[in-house]
Amino acid sequence: MERNDDARTATPHATDAEPGPDYLALVIEWDDEPLGAEPRGVPLTRPQLPTHGSRVLRGLAIGLGAIGALAAAGWGLHKLREA
């Protein structure tokens, strides 16, 4: 079988190409508001401070969670030492 060198030289090789990025990113931004329109948004309001009852419940939940995490860590260490 005869080799065709003309076909091989007709296509550019990867080494012949100029160096460039390995990828191309396309970013499309869409703005539904017409030009010159006033920006729409939620008016800023000051968040309500938690009441005393919710502060107590939140503190209790944090404390119980910490105790539970310590208990789970202790149990895990105990099981590791047994093995």
Protein backbone atom coordinates (compact mmCIF):
# COMPACT_ATOMS: atom_id res chain seq x y z
CA MET A 1 0.00 0.00 0.00
CA GLU A 2 1.35 3.37 -0.99
CA ARG A 3 1.56 6.21 1.53
CA ASN A 4 -0.02 9.56 0.62
CA ASP A 5 2.16 12.34 2.11
CA ASP A 6 0.08 15.12 0.47
CA ALA A 7 -2.96 14.34 2.63
CA ARG A 8 -0.87 14.43 5.80
CA THR A 9 0.67 17.84 5.10
CA ALA A 10 -2.65 19.40 4.04
CA THR A 11 -4.07 19.33 7.58
CA PRO A 12 -2.39 21.40 10.32
CA HIS A 13 -0.85 19.57 13.22
CA ALA A 14 -1.31 20.51 16.87
CA THR A 15 2.31 21.70 17.00
CA ASP A 16 1.73 24.05 14.05
CA ALA A 17 -1.11 25.94 15.73
CA GLU A 18 -0.48 29.10 17.72
CA PRO A 19 -0.61 28.67 21.51
CA GLY A 20 -3.93 29.66 23.00
CA PRO A 21 -6.36 28.89 25.78
CA ASP A 22 -7.44 25.32 26.36
CA TYR A 23 -11.07 26.35 26.80
CA LEU A 24 -13.48 29.11 25.92
CA ALA A 25 -16.05 30.57 28.31
CA LEU A 26 -19.26 32.20 27.16
CA VAL A 27 -21.09 34.37 29.67
CA ILE A 28 -24.55 35.69 28.86
CA GLU A 29 -26.16 38.20 31.17
CA TRP A 30 -29.87 38.90 30.90
CA ASP A 31 -31.47 42.03 32.27
CA ASP A 32 -35.26 42.16 32.18
CA GLU A 33 -35.47 45.79 33.29
CA PRO A 34 -35.57 48.38 30.50
CA LEU A 35 -32.77 50.93 30.30
CA GLY A 36 -33.30 53.96 32.53
CA ALA A 37 -35.82 52.20 34.78
CA GLU A 38 -35.64 52.69 38.52
CA PRO A 39 -34.11 49.68 40.25
CA ARG A 40 -36.67 47.46 41.89
CA GLY A 41 -35.84 45.78 45.11
CA VAL A 42 -36.94 44.93 48.56
CA PRO A 43 -36.76 47.92 50.89
CA LEU A 44 -34.25 47.41 53.64
CA THR A 45 -35.82 46.81 57.00
CA ARG A 46 -34.20 46.27 60.32
CA PRO A 47 -34.52 42.64 61.43
CA GLN A 48 -36.54 42.04 64.54
CA LEU A 49 -34.53 41.17 67.60
CA PRO A 50 -35.40 37.80 69.08
CA THR A 51 -37.56 37.81 72.14
CA HIS A 52 -36.33 36.51 75.47
CA GLY A 53 -38.13 33.17 75.03
CA SER A 54 -36.57 32.47 71.64
CA ARG A 55 -33.11 33.41 72.98
CA VAL A 56 -33.49 30.86 75.75
CA LEU A 57 -34.62 28.17 73.31
CA ARG A 58 -31.77 28.94 70.94
CA GLY A 59 -29.23 28.77 73.79
CA LEU A 60 -30.74 25.52 75.02
CA ALA A 61 -30.56 24.02 71.51
CA ILE A 62 -26.92 25.08 71.15
CA GLY A 63 -26.03 23.61 74.54
CA LEU A 64 -27.80 20.32 73.87
CA GLY A 65 -26.16 20.07 70.46
CA ALA A 66 -22.71 20.60 71.98
CA ILE A 67 -23.36 17.98 74.66
CA GLY A 68 -24.60 15.56 71.98
CA ALA A 69 -21.49 16.16 69.87
CA LEU A 70 -19.23 15.51 72.86
CA ALA A 71 -21.17 12.33 73.73
CA ALA A 72 -20.89 11.07 70.14
CA ALA A 73 -17.15 11.82 70.08
CA GLY A 74 -16.65 10.01 73.40
CA TRP A 75 -18.63 7.00 72.19
CA GLY A 76 -16.60 6.92 68.95
CA LEU A 77 -13.30 7.06 70.85
CA HIS A 78 -14.51 4.29 73.16
CA LYS A 79 -15.38 2.08 70.16
CA LEU A 80 -12.00 2.80 68.54
CA ARG A 81 -10.14 1.79 71.71
CA GLU A 82 -12.14 -1.45 71.93
CA ALA A 83 -11.22 -2.46 68.39
